[in-house]
Protein backbone atom coordinates (compact mmCIF):
# COMPACT_ATOMS: atom_id res chain seq x y z
CA MET A 1 240.18 152.08 8.06
CA ASN A 2 236.51 151.73 7.21
CA ALA A 3 233.99 153.24 9.96
CA MET A 4 233.15 149.28 11.14
CA GLN A 5 236.88 149.39 12.14
CA MET A 6 236.99 152.84 13.30
CA ILE A 7 233.77 152.14 15.79
CA ARG A 8 235.47 149.43 17.18
CA VAL A 9 239.07 150.93 17.62
CA GLY A 10 237.21 153.75 19.65
CA ALA A 11 234.77 151.28 21.69
CA LEU A 12 238.17 149.56 22.39
CA SER A 13 240.20 152.56 23.53
CA ALA A 14 236.88 153.81 25.27
CA ALA A 15 237.03 150.17 27.23
CA LEU A 16 240.17 150.61 27.92
CA ALA A 17 239.91 153.94 29.59
CA LEU A 18 237.16 152.63 31.38
CA ALA A 19 239.47 149.94 33.05
CA CYS A 20 242.45 152.37 33.52
CA ASP A 21 239.87 154.74 35.54
CA ALA A 22 238.75 151.61 37.60
CA MET A 23 242.14 150.78 38.59
CA ALA A 24 242.69 154.35 39.86
CA ILE A 25 239.98 154.49 41.99
CA ASP A 26 241.27 151.05 43.04
CA LYS A 27 244.15 152.02 44.46
CA PRO A 28 243.58 154.20 47.59
CA ALA A 29 242.14 150.75 48.86
CA ALA A 30 244.87 149.04 47.83
CA LYS A 31 247.66 151.18 49.51
CA ALA A 32 245.37 150.81 53.20
CA PRO A 33 246.83 147.36 53.94
CA ALA A 34 250.40 148.81 53.47
CA LYS A 35 249.25 151.78 56.03
CA GLU A 36 247.86 148.61 58.49
CA THR A 37 251.60 147.03 58.24
CA LYS A 38 253.23 149.92 58.79
CA SER A 39 251.63 150.71 62.18
CA ALA A 40 251.84 147.02 62.85
CA SER A 41 255.23 147.03 62.37
CA LYS A 42 255.60 150.57 64.47
CA GLU A 43 254.21 148.44 67.49
CA ALA A 44 256.30 145.60 67.14
CA SER A 45 259.00 147.99 67.06
CA GLY A 46 258.00 149.64 70.32
CA ASN A 47 257.27 146.01 71.67
CA ASP A 48 261.05 145.14 71.12
CA GLN A 49 262.42 148.37 72.58
CA LYS A 50 260.28 148.01 75.62
CA ALA A 51 261.55 144.08 76.00
CA MET A 52 265.37 145.02 75.18
CA MET A 53 264.97 148.17 78.06
CA GLU A 54 263.55 145.53 80.68
CA ALA A 55 266.36 142.93 79.62
CA MET A 56 269.13 145.72 80.44
CA GLN A 57 266.93 146.69 83.82
CA ARG A 58 267.43 142.70 84.44
CA MET A 59 271.35 142.80 83.34
CA GLY A 60 272.21 145.61 85.27
CA GLU A 61 270.26 146.04 88.51
CA VAL A 62 271.73 145.20 92.08
CA ARG A 63 270.72 142.27 93.71
CA ALA A 64 271.49 140.58 97.35
CA GLU A 65 274.25 138.28 95.85
CA HIS A 66 276.22 141.84 95.36
CA LYS A 67 275.03 143.13 98.40
CA GLN A 68 276.46 140.10 100.11
CA LEU A 69 279.97 141.08 98.28
CA ASP A 70 280.00 144.02 100.37
CA TYR A 71 281.14 141.51 103.21
CA PHE A 72 285.06 142.30 101.44
CA ALA A 73 284.79 145.74 101.75
CA GLY A 74 287.54 147.32 103.41
CA GLU A 75 291.42 147.78 104.85
CA TRP A 76 293.04 143.91 105.59
CA LYS A 77 295.86 142.73 106.85
CA THR A 78 297.42 139.72 104.67
CA MET A 79 299.53 136.83 105.76
CA THR A 80 300.41 134.71 102.30
CA THR A 81 302.16 130.94 102.61
CA MET A 82 303.37 129.81 99.25
CA PHE A 83 303.85 126.11 99.28
CA MET A 84 306.01 126.19 96.50
CA ASP A 85 308.32 122.72 96.98
CA PRO A 86 306.52 119.55 99.08
CA LYS A 87 309.95 119.08 100.26
CA ALA A 88 310.87 122.80 101.35
CA PRO A 89 308.64 124.50 104.21
CA PRO A 90 305.94 126.94 103.28
CA GLU A 91 307.23 130.81 102.27
CA LYS A 92 305.25 133.34 104.12
CA SER A 93 304.91 136.73 103.33
CA GLU A 94 302.95 139.96 104.93
CA GLY A 95 300.77 142.20 102.82
CA LYS A 96 297.51 144.55 102.88
CA SER A 97 294.40 144.99 100.67
CA HIS A 98 292.22 147.96 100.13
CA VAL A 99 289.04 146.78 98.90
CA GLU A 100 286.18 149.03 97.53
CA SER A 101 282.68 148.82 96.31
CA LYS A 102 282.28 149.90 92.72
CA PHE A 103 279.77 151.15 90.44
CA GLY A 104 276.67 151.44 92.66
CA GLY A 105 277.64 147.92 94.32
CA ARG A 106 277.86 146.17 91.23
CA TYR A 107 281.09 144.87 91.81
CA ILE A 108 284.11 145.02 94.28
CA GLU A 109 287.51 145.99 93.24
CA MET A 110 290.38 144.90 95.52
CA HIS A 111 293.95 145.99 95.50
CA TYR A 112 296.62 143.66 97.21
CA GLU A 113 300.43 145.11 97.77
CA GLY A 114 302.75 142.43 99.09
CA LYS A 115 306.17 140.36 98.67
CA PHE A 116 307.05 137.74 96.39
CA GLN A 117 310.17 136.14 96.78
CA GLY A 118 311.81 139.25 98.35
CA GLN A 119 309.91 141.06 95.77
CA THR A 120 307.70 143.50 95.53
CA PHE A 121 304.16 142.33 94.00
CA ASN A 122 301.02 144.43 93.54
CA GLY A 123 298.04 142.90 92.30
CA GLU A 124 293.89 143.89 91.34
CA GLY A 125 291.20 142.11 91.33
CA LEU A 126 287.44 141.64 90.54
CA ILE A 127 284.70 139.90 92.20
CA GLY A 128 280.77 140.31 90.84
CA PHE A 129 278.06 138.21 90.28
CA ASP A 130 276.91 138.18 86.68
CA ASN A 131 272.91 138.56 86.24
CA LEU A 132 272.83 137.02 82.97
CA LYS A 133 274.61 134.12 83.47
CA GLY A 134 273.40 133.55 87.00
CA LYS A 135 277.52 132.63 88.39
CA PHE A 136 279.77 134.96 90.77
CA PHE A 137 283.23 135.85 89.14
CA ASN A 138 286.79 137.06 89.80
CA THR A 139 289.45 138.66 87.81
CA TRP A 140 292.70 138.90 88.31
CA ILE A 141 295.67 141.22 86.92
CA ASP A 142 299.44 141.88 88.83
CA SER A 143 302.94 143.04 88.23
CA MET A 144 304.43 139.88 87.40
CA SER A 145 302.32 138.80 84.66
CA THR A 146 301.00 139.68 81.66
CA GLY A 147 297.94 138.37 81.23
CA MET A 148 294.49 137.96 82.91
CA TRP A 149 292.29 135.47 85.49
CA LEU A 150 289.27 134.70 85.25
CA ALA A 151 287.48 132.54 87.32
CA TRP A 152 283.50 131.24 87.63
CA GLY A 153 282.22 130.15 90.90
CA THR A 154 279.18 129.67 93.20
CA TYR A 155 278.09 130.46 96.58
CA ASP A 156 277.36 128.34 99.61
CA GLY A 157 275.61 129.79 102.22
CA ALA A 158 275.84 127.01 104.96
CA SER A 159 279.57 127.47 104.82
CA LYS A 160 280.01 130.87 103.79
CA THR A 161 282.00 129.67 101.24
CA TYR A 162 282.81 130.57 97.46
CA THR A 163 284.38 128.11 95.13
CA PHE A 164 285.37 129.43 91.74
CA HIS A 165 286.84 126.94 88.55
CA GLY A 166 289.25 128.33 86.00
CA SER A 167 292.00 127.58 84.20
CA MET A 168 295.70 129.11 83.46
CA ASP A 169 298.50 128.59 80.83
CA ASP A 170 301.48 126.79 82.24
CA PRO A 171 304.30 129.33 81.85
CA ILE A 172 306.86 126.43 81.98
CA ALA A 173 305.18 123.79 79.49
CA ALA A 174 303.75 126.07 76.56
CA GLY A 175 300.54 125.20 75.38
CA THR A 176 299.37 123.37 78.11
CA GLN A 177 296.76 124.36 80.60
CA ILE A 178 296.18 124.39 84.32
CA LYS A 179 292.47 123.79 86.33
CA VAL A 180 292.80 126.09 89.34
CA ARG A 181 289.85 125.83 92.19
CA GLU A 182 289.67 128.68 94.29
CA VAL A 183 288.09 129.05 97.49
CA ILE A 184 286.61 131.68 99.76
CA HIS A 185 285.98 131.07 103.04
CA ALA A 186 284.56 134.08 105.45
CA VAL A 187 285.08 132.95 108.86
CA ASP A 188 283.68 135.77 110.66
CA PRO A 189 283.46 139.55 110.07
CA LYS A 190 286.77 140.28 110.56
CA HIS A 191 288.50 137.12 109.01
CA TYR A 192 288.08 135.13 105.75
CA THR A 193 290.66 132.90 103.75
CA PHE A 194 291.61 132.50 100.51
CA GLU A 195 293.04 129.22 99.17
CA TRP A 196 294.45 128.09 95.34
CA TYR A 197 294.58 124.66 94.14
CA GLU A 198 296.12 123.47 91.23
CA THR A 199 296.00 120.19 89.09
CA ARG A 200 299.16 119.07 87.46
CA LYS A 201 299.43 115.72 85.76
CA GLY A 202 295.18 114.39 87.24
CA LYS A 203 296.69 115.49 90.75
CA GLU A 204 295.16 118.61 92.64
CA ALA A 205 297.34 120.50 95.26
CA LYS A 206 296.67 123.48 97.25
CA THR A 207 299.65 126.06 96.15
CA MET A 208 298.84 129.16 97.92
CA GLN A 209 296.65 130.49 101.14
CA ILE A 210 296.00 133.77 102.34
CA ASP A 211 294.75 135.12 105.59
CA TYR A 212 292.95 138.39 105.53
CA ALA A 213 292.23 140.09 108.70
CA LYS A 214 290.66 143.61 110.17
CA ASP A 215 292.05 145.75 113.14
């Protein structure tokens, strides 16, 4: 390598060194946007958490719809009428129902004791109002089945009536669903009725009614 080549190589090395130094100096400035992004991400996360907490509060708050369900709380005597066969007289049986508020008034829990065709019959259910769906619902399980009933409904203040709709499996026709309509009418502070309607072959018929009374 001659002197001129050595000078050129030296100059190139110096230029590269300066370039590297310049890049090193610029690195902190390049990191600044990353810090801003991290801060913005933290703020967005905080907003998401706040929105989630507000949503959870709306979901769990006790509203007027829940408070009106307090009507059902207490001890009730029942008279059940079953319309099993249109050609035969209806079957009647007495029973009782204990109803209490659950989880700060968010649900009403019902416990029923009675008879069905001479056998002891026990059942439990819930009535509530789902804030997210904006609908009332009821559930039911009992000692003569292994499934759970669920129906959704609305309330008409003018007639003081709850109307629920659902469907159930036909026990004698596998794979067939039976549409059901439930009607609960608050007659007065000490009396209400529960009616159960089933639709079979396109025709709706009332198959059960329970009359509730307080002393």
